[in-house]
Amino acid sequence: MLIATDSHPAADIELGELLVVVHVAAANVVKDIRENLRNLVGGRMPHYERLIRGAVADALQELDEQALAKGYDGVIGVRFSHPVVVEGAVEVVVYGNAFRRRAADR
């Protein structure tokens, strides 16, 4: 399935509904303490990086499944909210317009 941040390469499509996925993933409390200490001295935060990367991948997978379940061919204009670590969790909001190819393009 096509999930794109811009337009579809084929011009003749029928736009569908706006699909929205909200994915919230909890951080590990022990690793969270370690990352907070790292925040004091600087450096990368690999636990949070993995957490955000996983949340984004899961949200895109869910968006794909949602579009397929509703009979769409893909999602265009996909946007992400800024992943934010809040109180030991990561929130990712992904949204875009579902579309169907017109009969001539199938």
PDB file of N, CA and C in Angstrom:
ATOM      1  N   MET A   1       0.844  -1.170   0.000  1.00  0.00           N
ATOM      2  CA  MET A   1       0.000   0.000   0.000  1.00  0.00           C
ATOM      3  C   MET A   1       0.893   1.239   0.000  1.00  0.00           C
ATOM      4  N   LEU A   2       0.437   2.282  -0.660  1.00  0.00           N
ATOM      5  CA  LEU A   2       1.178   3.535  -0.718  1.00  0.00           C
ATOM      6  C   LEU A   2       0.839   4.398   0.492  1.00  0.00           C
ATOM      7  N   ILE A   3       1.861   4.781   1.216  1.00  0.00           N
ATOM      8  CA  ILE A   3       1.723   5.776   2.275  1.00  0.00           C
ATOM      9  C   ILE A   3       2.726   6.856   1.925  1.00  0.00           C
ATOM     10  N   ALA A   4       2.234   8.047   1.573  1.00  0.00           N
ATOM     11  CA  ALA A   4       3.101   9.105   1.070  1.00  0.00           C
ATOM     12  C   ALA A   4       2.860  10.408   1.810  1.00  0.00           C
ATOM     13  N   THR A   5       3.930  11.198   1.945  1.00  0.00           N
ATOM     14  CA  THR A   5       3.803  12.496   2.608  1.00  0.00           C
ATOM     15  C   THR A   5       3.322  13.581   1.663  1.00  0.00           C
ATOM     16  N   ASP A   6       3.412  13.329   0.369  1.00  0.00           N
ATOM     17  CA  ASP A   6       2.964  14.320  -0.599  1.00  0.00           C
ATOM     18  C   ASP A   6       1.796  13.766  -1.400  1.00  0.00           C
ATOM     19  N   SER A   7       1.779  14.017  -2.690  1.00  0.00           N
ATOM     20  CA  SER A   7       0.667  13.575  -3.521  1.00  0.00           C
ATOM     21  C   SER A   7       0.953  12.200  -4.115  1.00  0.00           C
ATOM     22  N   HIS A   8      -0.086  11.628  -4.696  1.00  0.00           N
ATOM     23  CA  HIS A   8       0.046  10.335  -5.363  1.00  0.00           C
ATOM     24  C   HIS A   8       0.635  10.574  -6.749  1.00  0.00           C
ATOM     25  N   PRO A   9       1.503   9.666  -7.209  1.00  0.00           N
ATOM     26  CA  PRO A   9       2.103   9.864  -8.533  1.00  0.00           C
ATOM     27  C   PRO A   9       1.078   9.812  -9.667  1.00  0.00           C
ATOM     28  N   ALA A  10      -0.014   9.072  -9.489  1.00  0.00           N
ATOM     29  CA  ALA A  10      -1.076   9.041 -10.504  1.00  0.00           C
ATOM     30  C   ALA A  10      -2.054  10.165 -10.184  1.00  0.00           C
ATOM     31  N   ALA A  11      -2.387  10.939 -11.185  1.00  0.00           N
ATOM     32  CA  ALA A  11      -3.223  12.114 -10.956  1.00  0.00           C
ATOM     33  C   ALA A  11      -4.691  11.772 -10.704  1.00  0.00           C
ATOM     34  N   ASP A  12      -5.167  10.661 -11.228  1.00  0.00           N
ATOM     35  CA  ASP A  12      -6.589  10.362 -11.180  1.00  0.00           C
ATOM     36  C   ASP A  12      -6.940   9.464  -9.995  1.00  0.00           C
ATOM     37  N   ILE A  13      -7.151  10.099  -8.847  1.00  0.00           N
ATOM     38  CA  ILE A  13      -7.524   9.354  -7.645  1.00  0.00           C
ATOM     39  C   ILE A  13      -8.758   9.986  -7.022  1.00  0.00           C
ATOM     40  N   GLU A  14      -9.434   9.218  -6.232  1.00  0.00           N
ATOM     41  CA  GLU A  14     -10.601   9.678  -5.489  1.00  0.00           C
ATOM     42  C   GLU A  14     -10.205   9.767  -4.025  1.00  0.00           C
ATOM     43  N   LEU A  15     -10.260  10.977  -3.469  1.00  0.00           N
ATOM     44  CA  LEU A  15      -9.897  11.145  -2.064  1.00  0.00           C
ATOM     45  C   LEU A  15     -10.968  10.543  -1.176  1.00  0.00           C
ATOM     46  N   GLY A  16     -10.523   9.955  -0.099  1.00  0.00           N
ATOM     47  CA  GLY A  16     -11.437   9.375   0.874  1.00  0.00           C
ATOM     48  C   GLY A  16     -11.375  10.153   2.167  1.00  0.00           C
ATOM     49  N   GLU A  17     -11.694   9.473   3.230  1.00  0.00           N
ATOM     50  CA  GLU A  17     -11.759  10.119   4.534  1.00  0.00           C
ATOM     51  C   GLU A  17     -10.377  10.341   5.155  1.00  0.00           C
ATOM     52  N   LEU A  18     -10.338  11.200   6.130  1.00  0.00           N
ATOM     53  CA  LEU A  18      -9.120  11.424   6.897  1.00  0.00           C
ATOM     54  C   LEU A  18      -8.973  10.280   7.886  1.00  0.00           C
ATOM     55  N   LEU A  19      -7.829   9.624   7.869  1.00  0.00           N
ATOM     56  CA  LEU A  19      -7.550   8.539   8.805  1.00  0.00           C
ATOM     57  C   LEU A  19      -6.575   9.052   9.855  1.00  0.00           C
ATOM     58  N   VAL A  20      -6.827   8.718  11.102  1.00  0.00           N
ATOM     59  CA  VAL A  20      -5.987   9.184  12.206  1.00  0.00           C
ATOM     60  C   VAL A  20      -5.608   7.999  13.082  1.00  0.00           C
ATOM     61  N   VAL A  21      -4.352   7.928  13.444  1.00  0.00           N
ATOM     62  CA  VAL A  21      -3.863   6.912  14.369  1.00  0.00           C
ATOM     63  C   VAL A  21      -3.154   7.623  15.505  1.00  0.00           C
ATOM     64  N   VAL A  22      -3.482   7.250  16.720  1.00  0.00           N
ATOM     65  CA  VAL A  22      -2.775   7.746  17.899  1.00  0.00           C
ATOM     66  C   VAL A  22      -2.122   6.540  18.552  1.00  0.00           C
ATOM     67  N   HIS A  23      -0.826   6.608  18.735  1.00  0.00           N
ATOM     68  CA  HIS A  23      -0.085   5.498  19.337  1.00  0.00           C
ATOM     69  C   HIS A  23       0.682   6.040  20.543  1.00  0.00           C
ATOM     70  N   VAL A  24       0.432   5.453  21.690  1.00  0.00           N
ATOM     71  CA  VAL A  24       1.138   5.861  22.904  1.00  0.00           C
ATOM     72  C   VAL A  24       1.877   4.640  23.433  1.00  0.00           C
ATOM     73  N   ALA A  25       3.172   4.767  23.628  1.00  0.00           N
ATOM     74  CA  ALA A  25       3.991   3.670  24.129  1.00  0.00           C
ATOM     75  C   ALA A  25       4.637   4.086  25.447  1.00  0.00           C
ATOM     76  N   ALA A  26       4.546   3.216  26.430  1.00  0.00           N
ATOM     77  CA  ALA A  26       5.131   3.509  27.741  1.00  0.00           C
ATOM     78  C   ALA A  26       6.619   3.181  27.747  1.00  0.00           C
ATOM     79  N   ALA A  27       7.367   4.004  28.444  1.00  0.00           N
ATOM     80  CA  ALA A  27       8.797   3.767  28.601  1.00  0.00           C
ATOM     81  C   ALA A  27       9.022   2.870  29.819  1.00  0.00           C
ATOM     82  N   ASN A  28      10.147   2.200  29.834  1.00  0.00           N
ATOM     83  CA  ASN A  28      10.553   1.379  30.963  1.00  0.00           C
ATOM     84  C   ASN A  28      11.071   2.299  32.063  1.00  0.00           C
ATOM     85  N   VAL A  29      10.516   2.197  33.266  1.00  0.00           N
ATOM     86  CA  VAL A  29      10.868   3.113  34.354  1.00  0.00           C
ATOM     87  C   VAL A  29      12.355   3.064  34.679  1.00  0.00           C
ATOM     88  N   VAL A  30      12.950   1.884  34.702  1.00  0.00           N
ATOM     89  CA  VAL A  30      14.383   1.763  35.019  1.00  0.00           C
ATOM     90  C   VAL A  30      15.214   2.452  33.946  1.00  0.00           C
ATOM     91  N   LYS A  31      14.888   2.191  32.676  1.00  0.00           N
ATOM     92  CA  LYS A  31      15.621   2.838  31.582  1.00  0.00           C
ATOM     93  C   LYS A  31      15.351   4.333  31.559  1.00  0.00           C
ATOM     94  N   ASP A  32      14.151   4.747  31.963  1.00  0.00           N
ATOM     95  CA  ASP A  32      13.789   6.151  32.014  1.00  0.00           C
ATOM     96  C   ASP A  32      14.695   6.902  32.989  1.00  0.00           C
ATOM     97  N   ILE A  33      14.978   6.300  34.135  1.00  0.00           N
ATOM     98  CA  ILE A  33      15.876   6.917  35.128  1.00  0.00           C
ATOM     99  C   ILE A  33      17.266   7.096  34.523  1.00  0.00           C
ATOM    100  N   ARG A  34      17.738   6.057  33.820  1.00  0.00           N
ATOM    101  CA  ARG A  34      19.060   6.128  33.184  1.00  0.00           C
ATOM    102  C   ARG A  34      19.098   7.242  32.131  1.00  0.00           C
ATOM    103  N   GLU A  35      18.022   7.384  31.351  1.00  0.00           N
ATOM    104  CA  GLU A  35      17.981   8.426  30.330  1.00  0.00           C
ATOM    105  C   GLU A  35      17.937   9.815  30.969  1.00  0.00           C
ATOM    106  N   ASN A  36      17.246   9.955  32.078  1.00  0.00           N
ATOM    107  CA  ASN A  36      17.207  11.250  32.767  1.00  0.00           C
ATOM    108  C   ASN A  36      18.586  11.632  33.294  1.00  0.00           C
ATOM    109  N   LEU A  37      19.336  10.659  33.765  1.00  0.00           N
ATOM    110  CA  LEU A  37      20.720  10.932  34.196  1.00  0.00           C
ATOM    111  C   LEU A  37      21.566  11.345  32.994  1.00  0.00           C
ATOM    112  N   ARG A  38      21.373  10.656  31.871  1.00  0.00           N
ATOM    113  CA  ARG A  38      22.118  11.000  30.657  1.00  0.00           C
ATOM    114  C   ARG A  38      21.762  12.418  30.211  1.00  0.00           C
ATOM    115  N   ASN A  39      20.530  12.826  30.436  1.00  0.00           N
ATOM    116  CA  ASN A  39      20.090  14.159  30.068  1.00  0.00           C
ATOM    117  C   ASN A  39      20.874  15.227  30.845  1.00  0.00           C
ATOM    118  N   LEU A  40      21.295  14.903  32.048  1.00  0.00           N
ATOM    119  CA  LEU A  40      22.076  15.847  32.850  1.00  0.00           C
ATOM    120  C   LEU A  40      23.470  16.080  32.279  1.00  0.00           C
ATOM    121  N   VAL A  41      24.082  15.025  31.737  1.00  0.00           N
ATOM    122  CA  VAL A  41      25.460  15.135  31.261  1.00  0.00           C
ATOM    123  C   VAL A  41      25.563  15.278  29.743  1.00  0.00           C
ATOM    124  N   GLY A  42      24.458  15.056  29.047  1.00  0.00           N
ATOM    125  CA  GLY A  42      24.464  15.182  27.595  1.00  0.00           C
ATOM    126  C   GLY A  42      24.680  13.854  26.901  1.00  0.00           C
ATOM    127  N   GLY A  43      24.439  13.827  25.625  1.00  0.00           N
ATOM    128  CA  GLY A  43      24.622  12.620  24.825  1.00  0.00           C
ATOM    129  C   GLY A  43      23.307  12.097  24.285  1.00  0.00           C
ATOM    130  N   ARG A  44      23.424  11.100  23.462  1.00  0.00           N
ATOM    131  CA  ARG A  44      22.238  10.494  22.851  1.00  0.00           C
ATOM    132  C   ARG A  44      21.460   9.697  23.885  1.00  0.00           C
ATOM    133  N   MET A  45      20.188   9.529  23.613  1.00  0.00           N
ATOM    134  CA  MET A  45      19.305   8.779  24.504  1.00  0.00           C
ATOM    135  C   MET A  45      18.745   7.593  23.727  1.00  0.00           C
ATOM    136  N   PRO A  46      19.517   6.519  23.616  1.00  0.00           N
ATOM    137  CA  PRO A  46      19.122   5.402  22.754  1.00  0.00           C
ATOM    138  C   PRO A  46      17.807   4.734  23.146  1.00  0.00           C
ATOM    139  N   HIS A  47      17.491   4.687  24.418  1.00  0.00           N
ATOM    140  CA  HIS A  47      16.223   4.076  24.828  1.00  0.00           C
ATOM    141  C   HIS A  47      15.048   4.861  24.245  1.00  0.00           C
ATOM    142  N   TYR A  48      15.101   6.180  24.356  1.00  0.00           N
ATOM    143  CA  TYR A  48      14.024   7.001  23.805  1.00  0.00           C
ATOM    144  C   TYR A  48      14.012   6.948  22.285  1.00  0.00           C
ATOM    145  N   GLU A  49      15.182   6.883  21.671  1.00  0.00           N
ATOM    146  CA  GLU A  49      15.240   6.781  20.214  1.00  0.00           C
ATOM    147  C   GLU A  49      14.542   5.505  19.741  1.00  0.00           C
ATOM    148  N   ARG A  50      14.836   4.375  20.392  1.00  0.00           N
ATOM    149  CA  ARG A  50      14.175   3.117  20.035  1.00  0.00           C
ATOM    150  C   ARG A  50      12.679   3.192  20.290  1.00  0.00           C
ATOM    151  N   LEU A  51      12.298   3.804  21.404  1.00  0.00           N
ATOM    152  CA  LEU A  51      10.893   3.929  21.757  1.00  0.00           C
ATOM    153  C   LEU A  51      10.133   4.739  20.701  1.00  0.00           C
ATOM    154  N   ILE A  52      10.692   5.856  20.272  1.00  0.00           N
ATOM    155  CA  ILE A  52      10.051   6.705  19.269  1.00  0.00           C
ATOM    156  C   ILE A  52      10.028   6.007  17.909  1.00  0.00           C
ATOM    157  N   ARG A  53      11.150   5.395  17.527  1.00  0.00           N
ATOM    158  CA  ARG A  53      11.222   4.677  16.248  1.00  0.00           C
ATOM    159  C   ARG A  53      10.159   3.566  16.196  1.00  0.00           C
ATOM    160  N   GLY A  54      10.022   2.829  17.282  1.00  0.00           N
ATOM    161  CA  GLY A  54       9.024   1.759  17.341  1.00  0.00           C
ATOM    162  C   GLY A  54       7.603   2.293  17.294  1.00  0.00           C
ATOM    163  N   ALA A  55       7.353   3.402  17.992  1.00  0.00           N
ATOM    164  CA  ALA A  55       6.011   3.995  18.005  1.00  0.00           C
ATOM    165  C   ALA A  55       5.626   4.493  16.616  1.00  0.00           C
ATOM    166  N   VAL A  56       6.572   5.105  15.905  1.00  0.00           N
ATOM    167  CA  VAL A  56       6.301   5.588  14.544  1.00  0.00           C
ATOM    168  C   VAL A  56       6.016   4.400  13.619  1.00  0.00           C
ATOM    169  N   ALA A  57       6.827   3.352  13.686  1.00  0.00           N
ATOM    170  CA  ALA A  57       6.625   2.170  12.838  1.00  0.00           C
ATOM    171  C   ALA A  57       5.272   1.521  13.128  1.00  0.00           C
ATOM    172  N   ASP A  58       4.922   1.395  14.392  1.00  0.00           N
ATOM    173  CA  ASP A  58       3.631   0.797  14.760  1.00  0.00           C
ATOM    174  C   ASP A  58       2.466   1.653  14.284  1.00  0.00           C
ATOM    175  N   ALA A  59       2.596   2.974  14.400  1.00  0.00           N
ATOM    176  CA  ALA A  59       1.523   3.874  13.957  1.00  0.00           C
ATOM    177  C   ALA A  59       1.339   3.793  12.444  1.00  0.00           C
ATOM    178  N   LEU A  60       2.429   3.737  11.683  1.00  0.00           N
ATOM    179  CA  LEU A  60       2.319   3.607  10.224  1.00  0.00           C
ATOM    180  C   LEU A  60       1.680   2.275   9.836  1.00  0.00           C
ATOM    181  N   GLN A  61       2.049   1.209  10.538  1.00  0.00           N
ATOM    182  CA  GLN A  61       1.461  -0.105  10.283  1.00  0.00           C
ATOM    183  C   GLN A  61      -0.045  -0.064  10.552  1.00  0.00           C
ATOM    184  N   GLU A  62      -0.437   0.578  11.638  1.00  0.00           N
ATOM    185  CA  GLU A  62      -1.855   0.691  11.982  1.00  0.00           C
ATOM    186  C   GLU A  62      -2.610   1.542  10.949  1.00  0.00           C
ATOM    187  N   LEU A  63      -1.969   2.612  10.465  1.00  0.00           N
ATOM    188  CA  LEU A  63      -2.581   3.446   9.428  1.00  0.00           C
ATOM    189  C   LEU A  63      -2.807   2.628   8.158  1.00  0.00           C
ATOM    190  N   ASP A  64      -1.826   1.827   7.781  1.00  0.00           N
ATOM    191  CA  ASP A  64      -1.914   0.953   6.621  1.00  0.00           C
ATOM    192  C   ASP A  64      -3.063  -0.037   6.789  1.00  0.00           C
ATOM    193  N   GLU A  65      -3.146  -0.681   7.942  1.00  0.00           N
ATOM    194  CA  GLU A  65      -4.195  -1.657   8.212  1.00  0.00           C
ATOM    195  C   GLU A  65      -5.578  -1.007   8.206  1.00  0.00           C
ATOM    196  N   GLN A  66      -5.668   0.195   8.756  1.00  0.00           N
ATOM    197  CA  GLN A  66      -6.938   0.915   8.791  1.00  0.00           C
ATOM    198  C   GLN A  66      -7.416   1.237   7.374  1.00  0.00           C
ATOM    199  N   ALA A  67      -6.511   1.697   6.530  1.00  0.00           N
ATOM    200  CA  ALA A  67      -6.870   2.029   5.143  1.00  0.00           C
ATOM    201  C   ALA A  67      -7.311   0.778   4.383  1.00  0.00           C
ATOM    202  N   LEU A  68      -6.558  -0.308   4.517  1.00  0.00           N
ATOM    203  CA  LEU A  68      -6.917  -1.556   3.840  1.00  0.00           C
ATOM    204  C   LEU A  68      -8.274  -2.068   4.303  1.00  0.00           C
ATOM    205  N   ALA A  69      -8.534  -2.011   5.605  1.00  0.00           N
ATOM    206  CA  ALA A  69      -9.799  -2.494   6.161  1.00  0.00           C
ATOM    207  C   ALA A  69     -10.993  -1.703   5.627  1.00  0.00           C
ATOM    208  N   LYS A  70     -10.755  -0.442   5.260  1.00  0.00           N
ATOM    209  CA  LYS A  70     -11.839   0.398   4.746  1.00  0.00           C
ATOM    210  C   LYS A  70     -11.898   0.389   3.221  1.00  0.00           C
ATOM    211  N   GLY A  71     -11.066  -0.448   2.584  1.00  0.00           N
ATOM    212  CA  GLY A  71     -11.115  -0.597   1.135  1.00  0.00           C
ATOM    213  C   GLY A  71     -10.354   0.440   0.341  1.00  0.00           C
ATOM    214  N   TYR A  72      -9.428   1.159   0.974  1.00  0.00           N
ATOM    215  CA  TYR A  72      -8.653   2.175   0.263  1.00  0.00           C
ATOM    216  C   TYR A  72      -7.378   1.569  -0.315  1.00  0.00           C
ATOM    217  N   ASP A  73      -6.817   2.261  -1.301  1.00  0.00           N
ATOM    218  CA  ASP A  73      -5.577   1.817  -1.934  1.00  0.00           C
ATOM    219  C   ASP A  73      -4.332   2.394  -1.266  1.00  0.00           C
ATOM    220  N   GLY A  74      -4.493   3.373  -0.423  1.00  0.00           N
ATOM    221  CA  GLY A  74      -3.344   3.963   0.245  1.00  0.00           C
ATOM    222  C   GLY A  74      -3.737   5.206   1.014  1.00  0.00           C
ATOM    223  N   VAL A  75      -2.724   5.908   1.482  1.00  0.00           N
ATOM    224  CA  VAL A  75      -2.918   7.140   2.247  1.00  0.00           C
ATOM    225  C   VAL A  75      -1.902   8.161   1.738  1.00  0.00           C
ATOM    226  N   ILE A  76      -2.382   9.359   1.426  1.00  0.00           N
ATOM    227  CA  ILE A  76      -1.476  10.418   0.982  1.00  0.00           C
ATOM    228  C   ILE A  76      -1.559  11.588   1.946  1.00  0.00           C
ATOM    229  N   GLY A  77      -0.589  12.467   1.860  1.00  0.00           N
ATOM    230  CA  GLY A  77      -0.551  13.636   2.731  1.00  0.00           C
ATOM    231  C   GLY A  77      -0.314  13.248   4.175  1.00  0.00           C
ATOM    232  N   VAL A  78       0.459  12.191   4.392  1.00  0.00           N
ATOM    233  CA  VAL A  78       0.699  11.687   5.749  1.00  0.00           C
ATOM    234  C   VAL A  78       1.543  12.680   6.533  1.00  0.00           C
ATOM    235  N   ARG A  79       1.114  12.950   7.726  1.00  0.00           N
ATOM    236  CA  ARG A  79       1.821  13.861   8.627  1.00  0.00           C
ATOM    237  C   ARG A  79       1.966  13.213   9.988  1.00  0.00           C
ATOM    238  N   PHE A  80       2.980  13.639  10.712  1.00  0.00           N
ATOM    239  CA  PHE A  80       3.242  13.155  12.066  1.00  0.00           C
ATOM    240  C   PHE A  80       3.208  14.332  13.017  1.00  0.00           C
ATOM    241  N   SER A  81       2.707  14.083  14.205  1.00  0.00           N
ATOM    242  CA  SER A  81       2.922  15.093  15.240  1.00  0.00           C
ATOM    243  C   SER A  81       4.347  14.892  15.706  1.00  0.00           C
ATOM    244  N   HIS A  82       4.871  15.827  16.438  1.00  0.00           N
ATOM    245  CA  HIS A  82       6.218  15.641  16.970  1.00  0.00           C
ATOM    246  C   HIS A  82       6.158  14.625  18.095  1.00  0.00           C
ATOM    247  N   PRO A  83       6.888  13.526  17.941  1.00  0.00           N
ATOM    248  CA  PRO A  83       6.896  12.567  19.051  1.00  0.00           C
ATOM    249  C   PRO A  83       7.413  13.263  20.309  1.00  0.00           C
ATOM    250  N   VAL A  84       6.685  13.113  21.372  1.00  0.00           N
ATOM    251  CA  VAL A  84       7.030  13.784  22.622  1.00  0.00           C
ATOM    252  C   VAL A  84       7.092  12.752  23.737  1.00  0.00           C
ATOM    253  N   VAL A  85       8.148  12.777  24.498  1.00  0.00           N
ATOM    254  CA  VAL A  85       8.243  11.915  25.659  1.00  0.00           C
ATOM    255  C   VAL A  85       7.614  12.678  26.820  1.00  0.00           C
ATOM    256  N   VAL A  86       6.510  12.174  27.330  1.00  0.00           N
ATOM    257  CA  VAL A  86       5.816  12.829  28.437  1.00  0.00           C
ATOM    258  C   VAL A  86       5.578  11.830  29.552  1.00  0.00           C
ATOM    259  N   GLU A  87       6.024  12.144  30.713  1.00  0.00           N
ATOM    260  CA  GLU A  87       5.826  11.313  31.887  1.00  0.00           C
ATOM    261  C   GLU A  87       6.020   9.829  31.588  1.00  0.00           C
ATOM    262  N   GLY A  88       7.142   9.496  30.997  1.00  0.00           N
ATOM    263  CA  GLY A  88       7.474   8.098  30.759  1.00  0.00           C
ATOM    264  C   GLY A  88       6.765   7.453  29.589  1.00  0.00           C
ATOM    265  N   ALA A  89       6.282   8.233  28.640  1.00  0.00           N
ATOM    266  CA  ALA A  89       5.607   7.662  27.476  1.00  0.00           C
ATOM    267  C   ALA A  89       5.927   8.476  26.228  1.00  0.00           C
ATOM    268  N   VAL A  90       5.692   7.874  25.082  1.00  0.00           N
ATOM    269  CA  VAL A  90       5.872   8.540  23.801  1.00  0.00           C
ATOM    270  C   VAL A  90       4.518   8.571  23.117  1.00  0.00           C
ATOM    271  N   GLU A  91       4.143   9.736  22.621  1.00  0.00           N
ATOM    272  CA  GLU A  91       2.883   9.876  21.888  1.00  0.00           C
ATOM    273  C   GLU A  91       3.197  10.216  20.446  1.00  0.00           C
ATOM    274  N   VAL A  92       2.617   9.464  19.534  1.00  0.00           N
ATOM    275  CA  VAL A  92       2.783   9.722  18.106  1.00  0.00           C
ATOM    276  C   VAL A  92       1.395   9.789  17.487  1.00  0.00           C
ATOM    277  N   VAL A  93       1.113  10.871  16.774  1.00  0.00           N
ATOM    278  CA  VAL A  93      -0.144  10.999  16.050  1.00  0.00           C
ATOM    279  C   VAL A  93       0.197  11.035  14.565  1.00  0.00           C
ATOM    280  N   VAL A  94      -0.395  10.127  13.792  1.00  0.00           N
ATOM    281  CA  VAL A  94      -0.155  10.036  12.357  1.00  0.00           C
ATOM    282  C   VAL A  94      -1.502  10.187  11.671  1.00  0.00           C
ATOM    283  N   TYR A  95      -1.549  11.018  10.623  1.00  0.00           N
ATOM    284  CA  TYR A  95      -2.815  11.191   9.922  1.00  0.00           C
ATOM    285  C   TYR A  95      -2.575  11.477   8.447  1.00  0.00           C
ATOM    286  N   GLY A  96      -3.571  11.212   7.635  1.00  0.00           N
ATOM    287  CA  GLY A  96      -3.485  11.473   6.202  1.00  0.00           C
ATOM    288  C   GLY A  96      -4.804  11.147   5.542  1.00  0.00           C
ATOM    289  N   ASN A  97      -4.935  11.512   4.268  1.00  0.00           N
ATOM    290  CA  ASN A  97      -6.152  11.240   3.503  1.00  0.00           C
ATOM    291  C   ASN A  97      -6.054   9.895   2.817  1.00  0.00           C
ATOM    292  N   ALA A  98      -7.052   9.072   3.031  1.00  0.00           N
ATOM    293  CA  ALA A  98      -7.138   7.812   2.302  1.00  0.00           C
ATOM    294  C   ALA A  98      -7.528   8.121   0.860  1.00  0.00           C
ATOM    295  N   PHE A  99      -7.187   7.217  -0.048  1.00  0.00           N
ATOM    296  CA  PHE A  99      -7.576   7.418  -1.447  1.00  0.00           C
ATOM    297  C   PHE A  99      -7.831   6.081  -2.113  1.00  0.00           C
ATOM    298  N   ARG A 100      -8.566   6.150  -3.211  1.00  0.00           N
ATOM    299  CA  ARG A 100      -8.771   5.005  -4.098  1.00  0.00           C
ATOM    300  C   ARG A 100      -8.364   5.434  -5.503  1.00  0.00           C
ATOM    301  N   ARG A 101      -7.731   4.521  -6.212  1.00  0.00           N
ATOM    302  CA  ARG A 101      -7.453   4.794  -7.622  1.00  0.00           C
ATOM    303  C   ARG A 101      -8.761   4.676  -8.381  1.00  0.00           C
ATOM    304  N   ARG A 102      -8.947   5.534  -9.352  1.00  0.00           N
ATOM    305  CA  ARG A 102     -10.151   5.438 -10.180  1.00  0.00           C
ATOM    306  C   ARG A 102     -10.054   4.167 -11.031  1.00  0.00           C
ATOM    307  N   ALA A 103     -11.156   3.672 -11.476  1.00  0.00           N
ATOM    308  CA  ALA A 103     -11.223   2.387 -12.179  1.00  0.00           C
ATOM    309  C   ALA A 103     -10.223   2.277 -13.325  1.00  0.00           C
ATOM    310  N   ALA A 104      -9.988   3.345 -14.074  1.00  0.00           N
ATOM    311  CA  ALA A 104      -9.060   3.297 -15.222  1.00  0.00           C
ATOM    312  C   ALA A 104      -7.628   3.054 -14.777  1.00  0.00           C
ATOM    313  N   ASP A 105      -7.274   3.427 -13.547  1.00  0.00           N
ATOM    314  CA  ASP A 105      -5.897   3.300 -13.063  1.00  0.00           C
ATOM    315  C   ASP A 105      -5.604   1.950 -12.421  1.00  0.00           C
ATOM    316  N   ARG A 106      -6.594   1.161 -12.162  1.00  0.00           N
ATOM    317  CA  ARG A 106      -6.398  -0.098 -11.421  1.00  0.00           C
ATOM    318  C   ARG A 106      -5.823  -1.179 -12.276  1.00  0.00           C
TER     319      ARG A 106
END
